[in-house]
Each structure stands twice: as structure tokens, then as C-alpha cells.
C-alpha atoms as a PDB file:
ATOM      1  CA  UNK A   1     -77.985 179.774 104.579  1.00  0.00           C
ATOM      2  CA  UNK A   2     -81.743 179.079 104.539  1.00  0.00           C
ATOM      3  CA  UNK A   3     -83.901 177.888 101.663  1.00  0.00           C
ATOM      4  CA  UNK A   4     -84.799 180.244  98.879  1.00  0.00           C
ATOM      5  CA  UNK A   5     -88.188 181.932  99.217  1.00  0.00           C
ATOM      6  CA  UNK A   6     -90.740 181.092  96.644  1.00  0.00           C
ATOM      7  CA  UNK A   7     -94.026 182.759  95.657  1.00  0.00           C
ATOM      8  CA  UNK A   8     -97.221 180.949  94.419  1.00  0.00           C
ATOM      9  CA  UNK A   9     -97.739 182.714  91.054  1.00  0.00           C
ATOM     10  CA  UNK A  10     -96.797 181.282  87.624  1.00  0.00           C
ATOM     11  CA  UNK A  11     -94.091 183.389  85.966  1.00  0.00           C
ATOM     12  CA  UNK A  12     -92.846 183.418  82.389  1.00  0.00           C
ATOM     13  CA  UNK A  13     -89.414 184.133  81.042  1.00  0.00           C
ATOM     14  CA  UNK A  14     -90.679 187.538  79.901  1.00  0.00           C
ATOM     15  CA  UNK A  15     -91.528 188.151  83.526  1.00  0.00           C
ATOM     16  CA  UNK A  16     -88.082 187.156  84.514  1.00  0.00           C
ATOM     17  CA  UNK A  17     -86.471 189.601  82.101  1.00  0.00           C
ATOM     18  CA  UNK A  18     -88.433 192.475  83.582  1.00  0.00           C
ATOM     19  CA  UNK A  19     -87.424 191.888  87.275  1.00  0.00           C
ATOM     20  CA  UNK A  20     -85.007 194.195  88.900  1.00  0.00           C
ATOM     21  CA  UNK A  21     -81.334 193.323  88.569  1.00  0.00           C
ATOM     22  CA  UNK A  22     -80.521 194.124  92.189  1.00  0.00           C
ATOM     23  CA  UNK A  23     -82.202 191.008  93.494  1.00  0.00           C
ATOM     24  CA  UNK A  24     -81.293 187.485  92.383  1.00  0.00           C
ATOM     25  CA  UNK A  25     -84.150 185.138  91.262  1.00  0.00           C
ATOM     26  CA  UNK A  26     -84.177 181.661  89.721  1.00  0.00           C
ATOM     27  CA  UNK A  27     -87.135 180.758  87.570  1.00  0.00           C
ATOM     28  CA  UNK A  28     -87.873 176.982  87.573  1.00  0.00           C
ATOM     29  CA  UNK A  29     -90.960 175.662  85.803  1.00  0.00           C
ATOM     30  CA  UNK A  30     -92.787 178.994  86.351  1.00  0.00           C
ATOM     31  CA  UNK A  31     -91.937 179.307  90.017  1.00  0.00           C
ATOM     32  CA  UNK A  32     -89.837 182.236  91.106  1.00  0.00           C
ATOM     33  CA  UNK A  33     -87.207 181.626  93.885  1.00  0.00           C
ATOM     34  CA  UNK A  34     -85.663 184.643  95.652  1.00  0.00           C
ATOM     35  CA  UNK A  35     -82.079 183.640  96.178  1.00  0.00           C
ATOM     36  CA  UNK A  36     -79.922 184.328  99.312  1.00  0.00           C
ATOM     37  CA  UNK A  37     -77.960 187.465  98.727  1.00  0.00           C
ATOM     38  CA  UNK A  38     -74.578 186.376 100.197  1.00  0.00           C
ATOM     39  CA  UNK A  39     -73.137 182.855 100.312  1.00  0.00           C
ATOM     40  CA  UNK A  40     -71.025 181.802 103.187  1.00  0.00           C
ATOM     41  CA  UNK A  41     -67.220 181.256 102.884  1.00  0.00           C
ATOM     42  CA  UNK A  42     -67.690 177.580 103.118  1.00  0.00           C
ATOM     43  CA  UNK A  43     -70.071 177.659 100.226  1.00  0.00           C
ATOM     44  CA  UNK A  44     -67.585 179.699  98.131  1.00  0.00           C
ATOM     45  CA  UNK A  45     -64.886 177.133  98.930  1.00  0.00           C
ATOM     46  CA  UNK A  46     -67.106 174.280  97.625  1.00  0.00           C
ATOM     47  CA  UNK A  47     -68.244 176.304  94.500  1.00  0.00           C
ATOM     48  CA  UNK A  48     -64.492 177.136  93.812  1.00  0.00           C
ATOM     49  CA  UNK A  49     -63.523 173.446  93.975  1.00  0.00           C
ATOM     50  CA  UNK A  50     -66.386 172.302  91.842  1.00  0.00           C
ATOM     51  CA  UNK A  51     -65.514 174.991  89.269  1.00  0.00           C
ATOM     52  CA  UNK A  52     -61.830 174.000  89.288  1.00  0.00           C
ATOM     53  CA  UNK A  53     -62.591 170.381  88.689  1.00  0.00           C
ATOM     54  CA  UNK A  54     -65.081 171.057  85.936  1.00  0.00           C
ATOM     55  CA  UNK A  55     -62.749 173.498  84.285  1.00  0.00           C
ATOM     56  CA  UNK A  56     -60.013 170.809  84.343  1.00  0.00           C
ATOM     57  CA  UNK A  57     -62.345 168.228  82.848  1.00  0.00           C
ATOM     58  CA  UNK A  58     -63.395 170.569  80.020  1.00  0.00           C
ATOM     59  CA  UNK A  59     -59.813 171.529  79.084  1.00  0.00           C
ATOM     60  CA  UNK A  60     -59.572 171.341  75.276  1.00  0.00           C
ATOM     61  CA  UNK A  61     -63.363 171.050  74.765  1.00  0.00           C
ATOM     62  CA  UNK A  62     -65.597 173.488  73.002  1.00  0.00           C
ATOM     63  CA  UNK A  63     -67.537 174.366  76.228  1.00  0.00           C
ATOM     64  CA  UNK A  64     -66.516 176.164  79.399  1.00  0.00           C
ATOM     65  CA  UNK A  65     -67.356 176.561  83.024  1.00  0.00           C
ATOM     66  CA  UNK A  66     -68.527 179.730  84.831  1.00  0.00           C
ATOM     67  CA  UNK A  67     -68.145 180.644  88.491  1.00  0.00           C
ATOM     68  CA  UNK A  68     -70.447 183.663  88.616  1.00  0.00           C
ATOM     69  CA  UNK A  69     -74.329 183.279  88.184  1.00  0.00           C
ATOM     70  CA  UNK A  70     -75.298 183.429  84.528  1.00  0.00           C
ATOM     71  CA  UNK A  71     -78.749 183.200  83.034  1.00  0.00           C
ATOM     72  CA  UNK A  72     -79.376 179.779  81.370  1.00  0.00           C
ATOM     73  CA  UNK A  73     -82.632 179.196  79.539  1.00  0.00           C
ATOM     74  CA  UNK A  74     -83.572 175.570  78.884  1.00  0.00           C
ATOM     75  CA  UNK A  75     -86.858 175.679  77.049  1.00  0.00           C
ATOM     76  CA  UNK A  76     -88.888 172.607  76.350  1.00  0.00           C
ATOM     77  CA  UNK A  77     -88.788 171.578  72.543  1.00  0.00           C
ATOM     78  CA  UNK A  78     -92.195 173.084  71.782  1.00  0.00           C
ATOM     79  CA  UNK A  79     -91.997 176.068  74.191  1.00  0.00           C
ATOM     80  CA  UNK A  80     -92.065 179.584  72.765  1.00  0.00           C
ATOM     81  CA  UNK A  81     -89.151 181.887  73.745  1.00  0.00           C
ATOM     82  CA  UNK A  82     -91.325 184.371  75.787  1.00  0.00           C
END
């Protein structure tokens, strides 16, 4: 799997919400990264093992692990939610 493609524009969270759902992007510090569409089987094995270990470590805790991609927003303390 190659590196994710990136453009040179600055994007906001509002931009991210408007992007088509049939393509996977990550938005990191305003930079949009187009993600590879299909991970390899080796990648899936590694992800599965990491998930398994994290899930075991979180047993009985108030948080949980996810395998599939989920949106996570980590704004800076003074950053608007847009």
C-alpha cells in the first residue's frame, strides 16, 4: 500500500463534512489525505490483533475500541466547531 495522497489546500471540518462519502479522507491540521481504498490482508491481520489487544485492555472500562473507521474530531481548546 502506498502513501496517502495529499492536496495543498487548507480545509476545515465543515469542508470535511461536505465531502462525498464514497471516498475516504483523513483531515489532519487542515490537510486532506485521500486514503487507500482497500487494505491488504496483512494489514487486516495487524489491525485485528491490535483491536483484540486494546479491547482486552479496556474490558470493564467506560470506553471501547472500534475496528472500522469512525470520525474522530480532536479540536484545540480554543477552536470553533466548524
